Amino acid sequence: MINYSADYTYVQLSGAKLFTVVLLPEKSKKFPTVIIRSPYVDGFENESEENISIEYLNKHKEWLNRGYAVVVQHCRGRGKSDGDCIPYINEREDGLALQEWIRKQDFYNGELFLKGQSYLTSVHYATAPFADDIKGAIFAIQDSERYNICYRNGFLKKGLHGSWYVGMYKYKSHMKKSYTINSFDILPMKDFTKTVFGEASEDFDEMLKAPNPDNEFWNTRFGGNDARNATKDVKFPVLFTTGFYDIYTGGIFDMWKNMNEDSRNMSALVVSPYDHGDGCVEEESVVFPEGKRCEKFGEWYEIDWLDYIRQKNAKPPFEMGKITYYKLFENDWKTDEFYTSDDTLEIKLGTDEVSYVYNPYDAPRFKGGLSRTFGGTVFQDVPNSRHDIISVYTEPFEEDVFVKGKMSAKLSVKSDCEDTCFYIRVSIEKERGDYGLRDDITSLCYQLGDYNPGSAVCLNFDFDEHAFLIKKGERLRVDISSADNEHYVRHTNQKGLYSEQTTAKIAHNTVYLQNSFLSLPVDKSTIIK
């Protein structure tokens, strides 16, 4: 019978003591050690250390049964740990200090494994380049490129980094935050932190000045340079997981593609049909058979992964060097290199031109964040639900078509303003309604540099990877507007740095549907006749 051990301590770091729980299969032996660092522990703030240790023990018993020690630490300024929580800022020093502390403990056998999900993965990325005693990792649903977390084509992801940052910032100080759903409509945006927090937050304020990925800010510590390319040249196997409706889908695919060949060949990527929590809002979205990773691969597939690394299992739980993904609406799992097909189906969006008035003070919103902000996917509002949303349908498909890879679109547009935004969203028609697939957003000046009002120009849109079946007789729906104020900051129709702008104005925008196209990468090898 295993004689579990659950002890706690406070690891002293610069300016703070971080609450740390050590879980062992038994005392007086050495074990491979799994490291978990979490900020999402605020419910423990007023609990006793003993009760917290017991709760962690009960949660991680299977890890202990398999012979792993587990070290769980509350991030700075969260739960039982001291200090201020300022997202990302202290994670490198705190994470490296915890690793060094473990190396000095009697239970350490010389093998460290990193485990994280979402921000719990970011805290590990920040400790790269990784030490030689780190033998494997589980990096779930998190991008290592900070720009992708904050922006899309110059638009702040207020439905992701914005609202999340507000909740995270100095949480334990219990400061009164003057925040509502409309706080991201503040003009000028540069005053956001002073208005919401009552004090300036330097990292967020500097981020607001850097909407372009080539800004030097993104090469600084505030911009996440400590985590960039963290897994490009790793010398140990990594299990990446995401979902086709995760908030970081495209970034994780980019990380996978950017790995050197040796690193990728010893690793695996698993993609479910769901969102950041590997689930869905059942009354508003589709439930896919065996779609959750734990439904298909078992509750303990993460431990199976570490067991394989340590050669306790002869066969890995996932095929190495490949992507295991769920084919939506065909409802099956597949494993391959996920190469984008050279076969492309180009669909014209219409035969006429459509004009509308875009008012930033009454900007449209859309349901579901799809693959770039929180919200996953749900069935959409009815088409043409507002005067400033253009909804068009493709012709019904004449055969089943499997779309695999990155869709793209081109819009021919004009405006009477020196700058404005265009937003596009693609959905698939189902009997119950139209189910969101992908979206993208850009502005005239972000893509073109300068724009001459009244001139017709083409804008290109790029969508994150996807794998879904269009059944014979179904249609795709394309919504075009000039904002999604649920997930991205609205465009003011003014030229220049958004965070400095003090006013907004009306735009009269036109889309030439006859010169606009949606391009689908079609995997003909998997077409079902």
Protein backbone atom coordinates (compact mmCIF):
# COMPACT_ATOMS: atom_id res chain seq x y z
CA MET A 1 0.00 0.00 0.00
CA ILE A 2 1.35 3.43 -0.95
CA ASN A 3 2.00 5.69 2.01
CA TYR A 4 1.29 9.11 0.51
CA SER A 5 2.94 12.26 1.83
CA ALA A 6 1.55 15.80 1.51
CA ASP A 7 3.60 18.63 3.01
CA TYR A 8 3.63 22.35 2.42
CA THR A 9 6.21 25.08 2.71
CA TYR A 10 6.75 28.70 1.72
CA VAL A 11 9.58 29.10 -0.76
CA GLN A 12 11.32 32.42 -0.12
CA LEU A 13 11.86 34.47 -3.25
CA SER A 14 12.68 38.12 -3.78
CA GLY A 15 10.04 40.11 -1.94
CA ALA A 16 7.61 37.24 -1.44
CA LYS A 17 7.01 33.82 0.04
CA LEU A 18 5.31 31.46 -2.40
CA PHE A 19 3.07 28.73 -1.02
CA THR A 20 4.26 25.34 -2.25
CA VAL A 21 2.79 21.88 -1.70
CA VAL A 22 4.97 18.76 -2.11
CA LEU A 23 3.13 15.50 -2.83
CA LEU A 24 5.12 12.26 -2.62
CA PRO A 25 4.16 8.62 -3.16
CA GLU A 26 6.04 7.96 0.08
CA LYS A 27 8.77 9.55 2.13
CA SER A 28 12.49 8.72 2.15
CA LYS A 29 12.66 7.89 -1.55
CA LYS A 30 13.52 9.77 -4.74
CA PHE A 31 11.05 10.39 -7.56
CA PRO A 32 10.69 12.08 -10.94
CA THR A 33 9.00 15.39 -10.15
CA VAL A 34 6.13 17.12 -11.94
CA ILE A 35 5.97 20.91 -11.52
CA ILE A 36 2.65 22.79 -11.57
CA ARG A 37 2.47 26.55 -10.94
CA SER A 38 -0.99 28.19 -10.88
CA PRO A 39 -2.50 31.64 -10.34
CA TYR A 40 -6.06 30.26 -10.35
CA VAL A 41 -6.06 29.43 -6.66
CA ASP A 42 -7.88 32.37 -5.10
CA GLY A 43 -10.47 30.12 -3.47
CA PHE A 44 -7.69 28.81 -1.24
CA GLU A 45 -6.74 32.20 0.18
CA ASN A 46 -8.64 31.71 3.43
CA GLU A 47 -8.25 27.93 3.72
CA SER A 48 -5.72 26.28 6.01
CA GLU A 49 -2.50 24.99 4.49
CA GLU A 50 -3.30 21.51 5.77
CA ASN A 51 -6.68 21.38 4.03
CA ILE A 52 -5.17 22.65 0.79
CA SER A 53 -2.48 19.98 0.92
CA ILE A 54 -5.09 17.26 1.43
CA GLU A 55 -7.17 18.57 -1.46
CA TYR A 56 -4.15 18.55 -3.79
CA LEU A 57 -3.29 15.06 -2.59
CA ASN A 58 -6.74 13.75 -3.46
CA LYS A 59 -6.59 15.41 -6.88
CA HIS A 60 -3.18 13.97 -7.79
CA LYS A 61 -3.34 10.46 -6.34
CA GLU A 62 -3.08 8.78 -9.73
CA TRP A 63 0.16 10.68 -10.41
CA LEU A 64 1.52 9.42 -7.11
CA ASN A 65 0.30 5.90 -7.85
CA ARG A 66 2.35 5.98 -11.05
CA GLY A 67 5.48 6.95 -9.09
CA TYR A 68 5.67 10.72 -9.62
CA ALA A 69 6.22 13.43 -7.04
CA VAL A 70 4.06 16.49 -7.72
CA VAL A 71 5.00 20.01 -6.63
CA VAL A 72 2.19 22.57 -6.80
CA GLN A 73 2.94 26.25 -6.24
CA HIS A 74 0.61 29.25 -5.99
CA CYS A 75 1.91 32.01 -8.26
CA ARG A 76 3.02 35.27 -6.77
CA GLY A 77 0.14 37.27 -5.36
CA ARG A 78 -2.42 34.46 -5.66
CA GLY A 79 -3.95 32.04 -3.17
CA LYS A 80 -1.66 31.66 -0.17
CA SER A 81 1.37 33.31 -1.82
CA ASP A 82 2.68 36.79 -1.00
CA GLY A 83 3.30 39.68 -3.36
CA ASP A 84 1.45 41.35 -6.23
CA CYS A 85 0.17 39.47 -9.25
CA ILE A 86 1.08 41.33 -12.42
CA PRO A 87 0.52 38.91 -15.31
CA TYR A 88 3.69 37.36 -16.74
CA ILE A 89 6.10 39.79 -15.08
CA ASN A 90 7.64 37.61 -12.33
CA GLU A 91 7.13 34.14 -13.76
CA ARG A 92 10.64 33.60 -15.12
CA GLU A 93 12.44 34.31 -11.85
CA ASP A 94 9.82 32.54 -9.73
CA GLY A 95 9.74 29.45 -11.97
CA LEU A 96 13.52 29.10 -12.15
CA ALA A 97 13.78 29.57 -8.39
CA LEU A 98 11.27 26.76 -7.79
CA GLN A 99 13.20 24.43 -10.09
CA GLU A 100 16.41 25.19 -8.20
CA TRP A 101 14.69 24.64 -4.86
CA ILE A 102 13.46 21.21 -5.99
CA ARG A 103 16.97 20.21 -7.04
CA LYS A 104 18.09 20.62 -3.44
CA GLN A 105 15.37 18.39 -1.98
CA ASP A 106 15.91 14.81 -0.87
CA PHE A 107 12.99 13.51 -2.98
CA TYR A 108 14.47 14.76 -6.28
CA ASN A 109 15.81 11.97 -8.50
CA GLY A 110 17.27 14.14 -11.27
CA GLU A 111 14.19 14.27 -13.54
CA LEU A 112 11.85 17.24 -13.84
CA PHE A 113 8.64 17.34 -15.88
CA LEU A 114 6.70 20.53 -16.64
CA LYS A 115 2.90 20.42 -16.71
CA GLY A 116 0.59 23.30 -17.48
CA GLN A 117 -2.64 24.41 -19.09
CA SER A 118 -3.27 27.93 -20.36
CA TYR A 119 -1.44 30.45 -18.13
CA LEU A 120 -0.07 27.47 -16.18
CA THR A 121 1.86 26.67 -19.37
CA SER A 122 3.01 30.27 -19.85
CA VAL A 123 4.81 30.18 -16.50
CA HIS A 124 6.91 27.30 -17.88
CA TYR A 125 7.57 28.95 -21.27
CA ALA A 126 9.08 31.86 -19.36
CA THR A 127 11.82 29.58 -17.95
CA ALA A 128 13.25 28.70 -21.38
CA PRO A 129 15.86 27.78 -22.49
CA PHE A 130 15.16 24.68 -20.45
CA ALA A 131 17.69 22.98 -18.16
CA ASP A 132 19.11 19.55 -18.97
CA ASP A 133 17.25 17.82 -16.14
CA ILE A 134 13.87 18.70 -17.64
CA LYS A 135 12.97 15.47 -19.40
CA GLY A 136 9.48 16.12 -20.75
CA ALA A 137 6.49 18.45 -20.76
CA ILE A 138 2.75 18.73 -21.16
CA PHE A 139 2.07 22.17 -22.64
CA ALA A 140 -1.67 22.57 -23.04
CA ILE A 141 -3.69 25.28 -24.82
CA GLN A 142 -1.21 28.16 -24.65
CA ASP A 143 0.66 30.23 -27.22
CA SER A 144 4.20 31.41 -26.50
CA GLU A 145 3.93 34.51 -28.71
CA ARG A 146 2.66 37.37 -26.55
CA TYR A 147 1.52 39.47 -29.52
CA ASN A 148 -0.96 36.75 -30.50
CA ILE A 149 -2.35 36.79 -26.97
CA CYS A 150 -2.89 40.55 -26.99
CA TYR A 151 -3.64 41.50 -30.60
CA ARG A 152 -4.91 40.40 -33.97
CA ASN A 153 -3.76 42.59 -36.87
CA GLY A 154 -3.52 45.65 -34.64
CA PHE A 155 -6.79 45.08 -32.77
CA LEU A 156 -6.59 44.56 -29.02
CA LYS A 157 -8.30 41.32 -28.03
CA LYS A 158 -10.46 42.84 -25.34
CA GLY A 159 -12.38 39.56 -25.09
CA LEU A 160 -9.14 37.76 -24.21
CA HIS A 161 -6.12 39.59 -22.86
CA GLY A 162 -8.09 42.71 -21.97
CA SER A 163 -10.75 41.42 -19.59
CA TRP A 164 -8.47 38.64 -18.32
CA TYR A 165 -5.71 41.09 -17.45
CA VAL A 166 -8.13 43.26 -15.48
CA GLY A 167 -9.15 40.28 -13.37
CA MET A 168 -5.57 39.12 -12.81
CA TYR A 169 -3.96 42.45 -11.95
CA LYS A 170 -3.05 42.66 -8.24
CA TYR A 171 -5.94 40.32 -7.45
CA LYS A 172 -4.94 39.65 -3.88
CA SER A 173 -4.78 43.31 -2.94
CA HIS A 174 -8.56 43.39 -3.46
CA MET A 175 -8.34 46.84 -5.03
CA LYS A 176 -11.58 48.37 -6.21
CA LYS A 177 -11.52 48.26 -10.00
CA SER A 178 -13.74 50.64 -11.95
CA TYR A 179 -14.49 48.17 -14.69
CA THR A 180 -17.57 47.41 -16.77
CA ILE A 181 -18.17 45.73 -20.12
CA ASN A 182 -17.86 49.17 -21.73
CA SER A 183 -14.49 50.07 -20.18
CA PHE A 184 -12.65 49.16 -23.38
CA ASP A 185 -14.60 51.87 -25.20
CA ILE A 186 -12.74 54.50 -23.18
CA LEU A 187 -11.22 57.26 -25.32
CA PRO A 188 -8.36 57.80 -25.21
CA MET A 189 -7.47 54.20 -24.47
CA LYS A 190 -4.09 55.24 -23.06
CA ASP A 191 -5.92 56.23 -19.85
CA PHE A 192 -7.38 52.74 -19.40
CA THR A 193 -5.30 51.52 -16.44
CA LYS A 194 -5.49 54.80 -14.54
CA THR A 195 -9.26 54.82 -14.99
CA VAL A 196 -9.84 51.15 -14.13
CA PHE A 197 -7.15 50.53 -11.51
CA GLY A 198 -6.64 54.04 -10.17
CA GLU A 199 -2.95 53.66 -11.03
CA ALA A 200 -0.80 53.16 -14.11
CA SER A 201 0.21 49.62 -15.07
CA GLU A 202 3.39 50.07 -17.06
CA ASP A 203 3.38 46.80 -18.98
CA PHE A 204 -0.25 47.19 -20.13
CA ASP A 205 0.23 50.88 -20.95
CA GLU A 206 3.28 50.12 -23.08
CA MET A 207 1.42 47.28 -24.80
CA LEU A 208 -1.30 49.73 -25.88
CA LYS A 209 1.35 51.69 -27.77
CA ALA A 210 2.42 48.63 -29.79
CA PRO A 211 -0.45 47.34 -31.98
CA ASN A 212 1.97 46.16 -34.70
CA PRO A 213 3.98 42.95 -34.23
CA ASP A 214 7.19 44.57 -35.50
CA ASN A 215 7.16 47.15 -32.69
CA GLU A 216 10.26 46.92 -30.52
CA PHE A 217 8.04 46.42 -27.46
CA TRP A 218 7.53 42.77 -28.40
CA ASN A 219 11.29 42.19 -28.05
CA THR A 220 11.22 43.35 -24.43
CA ARG A 221 10.37 41.53 -21.22
CA PHE A 222 6.96 43.23 -21.08
CA GLY A 223 6.35 41.98 -24.62
CA GLY A 224 7.10 38.36 -23.76
CA ASN A 225 10.58 37.91 -25.21
CA ASP A 226 11.39 35.51 -22.36
CA ALA A 227 8.82 33.01 -23.70
CA ARG A 228 9.14 33.50 -27.47
CA ASN A 229 10.24 30.36 -29.35
CA ALA A 230 10.41 28.50 -26.03
CA THR A 231 9.79 25.14 -27.69
CA LYS A 232 11.55 25.66 -31.02
CA ASP A 233 14.66 23.67 -30.08
CA VAL A 234 13.55 21.64 -27.05
CA LYS A 235 15.59 18.53 -26.32
CA PHE A 236 12.75 16.61 -24.65
CA PRO A 237 9.35 15.33 -25.80
CA VAL A 238 6.45 17.78 -25.54
CA LEU A 239 2.76 16.95 -25.62
CA PHE A 240 0.88 19.97 -26.97
CA THR A 241 -2.91 20.10 -26.78
CA THR A 242 -5.43 22.57 -28.13
CA GLY A 243 -8.91 22.65 -29.65
CA PHE A 244 -10.16 23.96 -32.97
CA TYR A 245 -12.07 26.56 -30.91
CA ASP A 246 -9.34 27.25 -28.40
CA ILE A 247 -8.26 30.87 -27.88
CA TYR A 248 -4.74 30.09 -29.14
CA THR A 249 -5.36 27.57 -31.93
CA GLY A 250 -3.37 29.34 -34.63
CA GLY A 251 -0.48 30.18 -32.32
CA ILE A 252 -0.08 26.58 -31.20
CA PHE A 253 -0.08 25.35 -34.79
CA ASP A 254 2.60 27.98 -35.51
CA MET A 255 4.67 26.73 -32.57
CA TRP A 256 4.40 23.18 -33.89
CA LYS A 257 5.44 24.16 -37.42
CA ASN A 258 8.34 26.28 -36.12
CA MET A 259 9.91 23.46 -34.08
CA ASN A 260 13.10 22.01 -35.49
CA GLU A 261 12.61 18.60 -37.04
CA ASP A 262 14.24 16.64 -34.23
CA SER A 263 12.17 18.37 -31.55
CA ARG A 264 8.93 17.88 -33.48
CA ASN A 265 9.63 14.22 -34.23
CA MET A 266 9.82 13.41 -30.53
CA SER A 267 6.65 15.40 -29.72
CA ALA A 268 2.91 15.27 -30.46
CA LEU A 269 0.01 17.70 -30.93
CA VAL A 270 -3.59 16.74 -30.12
CA VAL A 271 -6.51 18.92 -31.30
CA SER A 272 -10.08 18.43 -30.07
CA PRO A 273 -13.23 19.93 -31.66
CA TYR A 274 -13.83 22.09 -28.59
CA ASP A 275 -12.67 25.26 -26.87
CA HIS A 276 -10.17 26.36 -24.21
CA GLY A 277 -11.69 24.07 -21.60
CA ASP A 278 -12.08 21.15 -24.03
CA GLY A 279 -15.85 21.44 -23.71
CA CYS A 280 -18.81 23.33 -25.09
CA VAL A 281 -21.97 25.17 -24.11
CA GLU A 282 -24.25 22.26 -24.87
CA GLU A 283 -27.48 24.22 -25.32
CA GLU A 284 -25.77 26.59 -27.77
CA SER A 285 -23.26 24.40 -29.62
CA VAL A 286 -22.60 20.97 -31.06
CA VAL A 287 -21.65 17.98 -28.90
CA PHE A 288 -19.21 15.76 -30.81
CA PRO A 289 -19.06 11.99 -30.10
CA GLU A 290 -15.83 11.17 -28.21
CA GLY A 291 -14.74 14.74 -28.92
CA LYS A 292 -13.07 15.45 -25.59
CA ARG A 293 -9.50 14.24 -25.31
CA CYS A 294 -10.24 12.35 -22.11
CA GLU A 295 -13.22 10.61 -23.79
CA LYS A 296 -11.08 9.26 -26.60
CA PHE A 297 -7.69 8.76 -24.96
CA GLY A 298 -8.59 8.12 -21.33
CA GLU A 299 -8.63 10.25 -18.21
CA TRP A 300 -4.90 9.81 -17.59
CA TYR A 301 -3.41 10.31 -21.05
CA GLU A 302 -1.07 12.95 -19.64
CA ILE A 303 0.46 10.44 -17.22
CA ASP A 304 0.62 7.92 -20.06
CA TRP A 305 2.70 10.48 -21.95
CA LEU A 306 5.22 10.83 -19.12
CA ASP A 307 5.32 7.07 -18.62
CA TYR A 308 6.22 6.67 -22.28
CA ILE A 309 9.02 9.23 -21.95
CA ARG A 310 10.40 7.30 -19.01
CA GLN A 311 10.08 4.08 -21.04
CA LYS A 312 7.50 2.61 -18.68
CA ASN A 313 5.20 2.16 -21.68
CA ALA A 314 6.42 0.62 -24.93
CA LYS A 315 4.03 2.61 -27.08
CA PRO A 316 3.31 6.37 -26.90
CA PRO A 317 -0.34 7.42 -26.38
CA PHE A 318 -0.08 9.57 -29.54
CA GLU A 319 1.91 9.16 -32.73
CA MET A 320 5.17 11.06 -32.48
CA GLY A 321 5.92 13.89 -34.90
CA LYS A 322 2.31 14.10 -36.06
CA ILE A 323 -0.95 15.86 -35.26
CA THR A 324 -3.89 13.91 -33.90
CA TYR A 325 -7.06 15.88 -34.60
CA TYR A 326 -10.85 15.58 -34.68
CA LYS A 327 -12.63 15.90 -38.02
CA LEU A 328 -15.72 17.96 -37.24
CA PHE A 329 -19.06 16.76 -38.61
CA GLU A 330 -17.45 13.56 -39.87
CA ASN A 331 -16.99 12.90 -36.14
CA ASP A 332 -13.79 10.92 -36.19
CA TRP A 333 -10.17 11.27 -35.02
CA LYS A 334 -7.29 11.19 -37.49
CA THR A 335 -3.50 11.37 -37.23
CA ASP A 336 -1.18 12.78 -39.91
CA GLU A 337 1.19 15.68 -40.61
CA PHE A 338 -1.79 18.01 -41.22
CA TYR A 339 -0.30 19.36 -44.41
CA THR A 340 -2.51 21.94 -46.10
CA SER A 341 -3.80 20.64 -49.41
CA ASP A 342 -2.70 22.22 -52.67
CA ASP A 343 -6.28 21.79 -53.90
CA THR A 344 -8.18 25.02 -53.29
CA LEU A 345 -11.84 25.74 -53.88
CA GLU A 346 -12.45 29.45 -54.55
CA ILE A 347 -15.97 30.75 -54.02
CA LYS A 348 -17.18 34.17 -55.17
CA LEU A 349 -19.27 35.91 -52.49
CA GLY A 350 -21.86 37.52 -54.76
CA THR A 351 -22.64 39.52 -57.87
CA ASP A 352 -23.30 43.02 -56.54
CA GLU A 353 -21.98 45.67 -54.16
CA VAL A 354 -23.38 46.41 -50.70
CA SER A 355 -22.94 49.60 -48.68
CA TYR A 356 -23.61 50.23 -45.00
CA VAL A 357 -23.04 52.79 -42.26
CA TYR A 358 -20.61 51.87 -39.50
CA ASN A 359 -21.07 53.81 -36.25
CA PRO A 360 -18.32 53.08 -33.66
CA TYR A 361 -20.64 54.27 -30.88
CA ASP A 362 -23.02 51.42 -31.74
CA ALA A 363 -20.62 48.77 -32.99
CA PRO A 364 -21.91 45.25 -33.81
CA ARG A 365 -21.07 42.19 -31.71
CA PHE A 366 -20.91 38.50 -32.61
CA LYS A 367 -21.48 35.32 -30.64
CA GLY A 368 -18.54 33.10 -29.80
CA GLY A 369 -14.84 33.95 -29.90
CA LEU A 370 -14.08 31.03 -32.28
CA SER A 371 -10.30 30.42 -32.28
CA ARG A 372 -8.86 33.76 -31.19
CA THR A 373 -10.71 34.97 -28.09
CA PHE A 374 -12.82 33.48 -25.31
CA GLY A 375 -16.22 32.02 -26.14
CA GLY A 376 -15.55 29.02 -28.37
CA THR A 377 -18.26 28.62 -30.97
CA VAL A 378 -22.03 28.63 -30.84
CA PHE A 379 -24.91 28.94 -33.26
CA GLN A 380 -24.99 32.45 -34.69
CA ASP A 381 -27.66 35.13 -34.77
CA VAL A 382 -29.90 35.18 -37.82
CA PRO A 383 -28.27 36.49 -41.00
CA ASN A 384 -28.33 40.23 -41.66
CA SER A 385 -29.24 40.72 -37.99
CA ARG A 386 -28.22 44.39 -38.15
CA HIS A 387 -28.06 47.09 -40.80
CA ASP A 388 -24.26 47.06 -40.57
CA ILE A 389 -23.78 43.29 -41.00
CA ILE A 390 -23.77 41.81 -44.52
CA SER A 391 -24.64 38.11 -44.58
CA VAL A 392 -24.19 36.04 -47.74
CA TYR A 393 -24.50 32.31 -48.36
CA THR A 394 -22.60 30.16 -50.82
CA GLU A 395 -24.45 27.90 -53.20
CA PRO A 396 -25.28 24.48 -51.71
CA PHE A 397 -22.35 22.08 -52.04
CA GLU A 398 -22.93 19.40 -54.66
CA GLU A 399 -20.88 16.77 -52.82
CA ASP A 400 -19.33 16.17 -49.42
CA VAL A 401 -16.17 18.25 -49.07
CA PHE A 402 -13.55 17.98 -46.32
CA VAL A 403 -11.86 21.32 -45.54
CA LYS A 404 -8.46 20.92 -43.89
CA GLY A 405 -5.95 23.65 -43.21
CA LYS A 406 -6.11 27.44 -43.33
CA MET A 407 -9.03 29.06 -45.14
CA SER A 408 -8.54 32.57 -46.50
CA ALA A 409 -10.66 35.35 -47.94
CA LYS A 410 -10.29 38.46 -50.06
CA LEU A 411 -12.63 41.43 -49.83
CA SER A 412 -12.84 44.25 -52.35
CA VAL A 413 -13.87 47.34 -50.35
CA LYS A 414 -13.94 51.11 -50.14
CA SER A 415 -14.65 53.74 -47.46
CA ASP A 416 -15.14 57.47 -47.17
CA CYS A 417 -12.69 57.55 -44.21
CA GLU A 418 -8.90 57.59 -44.16
CA ASP A 419 -9.04 54.39 -42.17
CA THR A 420 -11.69 51.91 -41.07
CA CYS A 421 -12.07 48.26 -40.14
CA PHE A 422 -13.41 45.22 -41.95
CA TYR A 423 -14.36 42.07 -40.08
CA ILE A 424 -15.29 38.71 -41.62
CA ARG A 425 -16.80 35.60 -40.05
CA VAL A 426 -17.43 32.22 -41.69
CA SER A 427 -20.09 29.78 -40.44
CA ILE A 428 -21.55 26.50 -41.67
CA GLU A 429 -25.28 26.01 -42.20
CA LYS A 430 -26.81 23.26 -40.11
CA GLU A 431 -30.42 22.24 -39.58
CA ARG A 432 -30.40 23.91 -36.17
CA GLY A 433 -28.74 27.11 -37.37
CA ASP A 434 -25.42 28.51 -38.57
CA TYR A 435 -22.42 27.25 -36.58
CA GLY A 436 -19.41 29.56 -36.32
CA LEU A 437 -16.15 28.39 -37.90
CA ARG A 438 -13.57 31.17 -38.20
CA ASP A 439 -13.13 34.94 -38.18
CA ASP A 440 -10.54 37.62 -38.95
CA ILE A 441 -10.21 41.35 -38.63
CA THR A 442 -8.01 44.06 -40.14
CA SER A 443 -8.02 47.74 -41.02
CA LEU A 444 -7.20 49.57 -44.20
CA CYS A 445 -4.08 51.27 -42.87
CA TYR A 446 -2.83 48.21 -40.97
CA GLN A 447 -2.75 46.22 -44.18
CA LEU A 448 -2.12 48.90 -46.79
CA GLY A 449 -0.13 51.52 -44.88
CA ASP A 450 -2.15 54.44 -46.28
CA TYR A 451 -5.57 54.66 -47.85
CA ASN A 452 -7.11 57.21 -50.23
CA PRO A 453 -10.81 57.62 -49.27
CA GLY A 454 -13.20 56.55 -51.99
CA SER A 455 -10.81 54.16 -53.71
CA ALA A 456 -11.53 50.45 -54.13
CA VAL A 457 -8.87 48.19 -52.62
CA CYS A 458 -8.46 44.51 -51.73
CA LEU A 459 -7.95 43.23 -48.19
CA ASN A 460 -6.70 39.74 -47.39
CA PHE A 461 -7.96 37.68 -44.46
CA ASP A 462 -6.30 34.63 -42.98
CA PHE A 463 -8.03 32.06 -40.78
CA ASP A 464 -6.59 29.60 -38.26
CA GLU A 465 -6.29 25.93 -39.11
CA HIS A 466 -9.45 23.87 -39.12
CA ALA A 467 -10.69 20.41 -40.17
CA PHE A 468 -14.41 20.05 -40.90
CA LEU A 469 -16.77 18.30 -43.27
CA ILE A 470 -19.25 20.19 -45.44
CA LYS A 471 -22.01 17.76 -46.31
CA LYS A 472 -23.77 17.65 -49.65
CA GLY A 473 -26.53 20.28 -49.74
CA GLU A 474 -25.07 22.42 -46.94
CA ARG A 475 -23.94 26.01 -47.40
CA LEU A 476 -21.34 28.27 -45.85
CA ARG A 477 -22.35 31.68 -44.55
CA VAL A 478 -20.06 34.71 -44.61
CA ASP A 479 -20.78 37.73 -42.39
CA ILE A 480 -19.00 41.00 -43.14
CA SER A 481 -19.03 44.06 -40.90
CA SER A 482 -16.70 46.72 -39.52
CA ALA A 483 -16.46 45.50 -35.92
CA ASP A 484 -16.90 42.69 -33.45
CA ASN A 485 -17.09 44.76 -30.29
CA GLU A 486 -17.65 41.66 -28.18
CA HIS A 487 -14.11 40.43 -28.78
CA TYR A 488 -11.99 43.22 -30.33
CA VAL A 489 -11.74 46.94 -29.61
CA ARG A 490 -13.90 48.90 -32.05
CA HIS A 491 -12.28 50.93 -34.79
CA THR A 492 -12.93 54.68 -34.50
CA ASN A 493 -12.59 55.31 -38.27
CA GLN A 494 -9.68 57.58 -37.42
CA LYS A 495 -6.19 57.12 -38.75
CA GLY A 496 -3.31 56.67 -36.32
CA LEU A 497 -2.52 54.99 -33.02
CA TYR A 498 -5.79 53.81 -31.47
CA SER A 499 -4.77 54.35 -27.86
CA GLU A 500 -4.15 58.06 -28.54
CA GLN A 501 -7.46 58.75 -30.29
CA THR A 502 -10.01 60.92 -28.46
CA THR A 503 -12.96 60.82 -30.87
CA ALA A 504 -14.71 58.50 -33.30
CA LYS A 505 -16.67 59.23 -36.47
CA ILE A 506 -19.13 57.58 -38.83
CA ALA A 507 -17.88 55.59 -41.84
CA HIS A 508 -19.76 54.76 -45.03
CA ASN A 509 -18.28 51.47 -46.21
CA THR A 510 -18.84 49.39 -49.33
CA VAL A 511 -18.05 45.76 -50.14
CA TYR A 512 -17.84 44.64 -53.79
CA LEU A 513 -19.08 41.08 -53.44
CA GLN A 514 -18.51 40.33 -57.12
CA ASN A 515 -14.77 40.84 -56.55
CA SER A 516 -14.62 39.14 -53.14
CA PHE A 517 -13.76 35.48 -52.55
CA LEU A 518 -13.54 32.75 -49.94
CA SER A 519 -10.82 30.12 -50.50
CA LEU A 520 -11.09 26.63 -49.01
CA PRO A 521 -8.22 24.12 -48.81
CA VAL A 522 -9.94 20.89 -49.81
CA ASP A 523 -8.51 17.53 -48.78
CA LYS A 524 -9.70 15.35 -51.65
CA SER A 525 -8.15 12.24 -50.15
CA THR A 526 -10.81 12.26 -47.44
CA ILE A 527 -13.86 13.30 -49.45
CA ILE A 528 -16.80 11.05 -48.69
CA LYS A 529 -18.83 10.20 -51.76
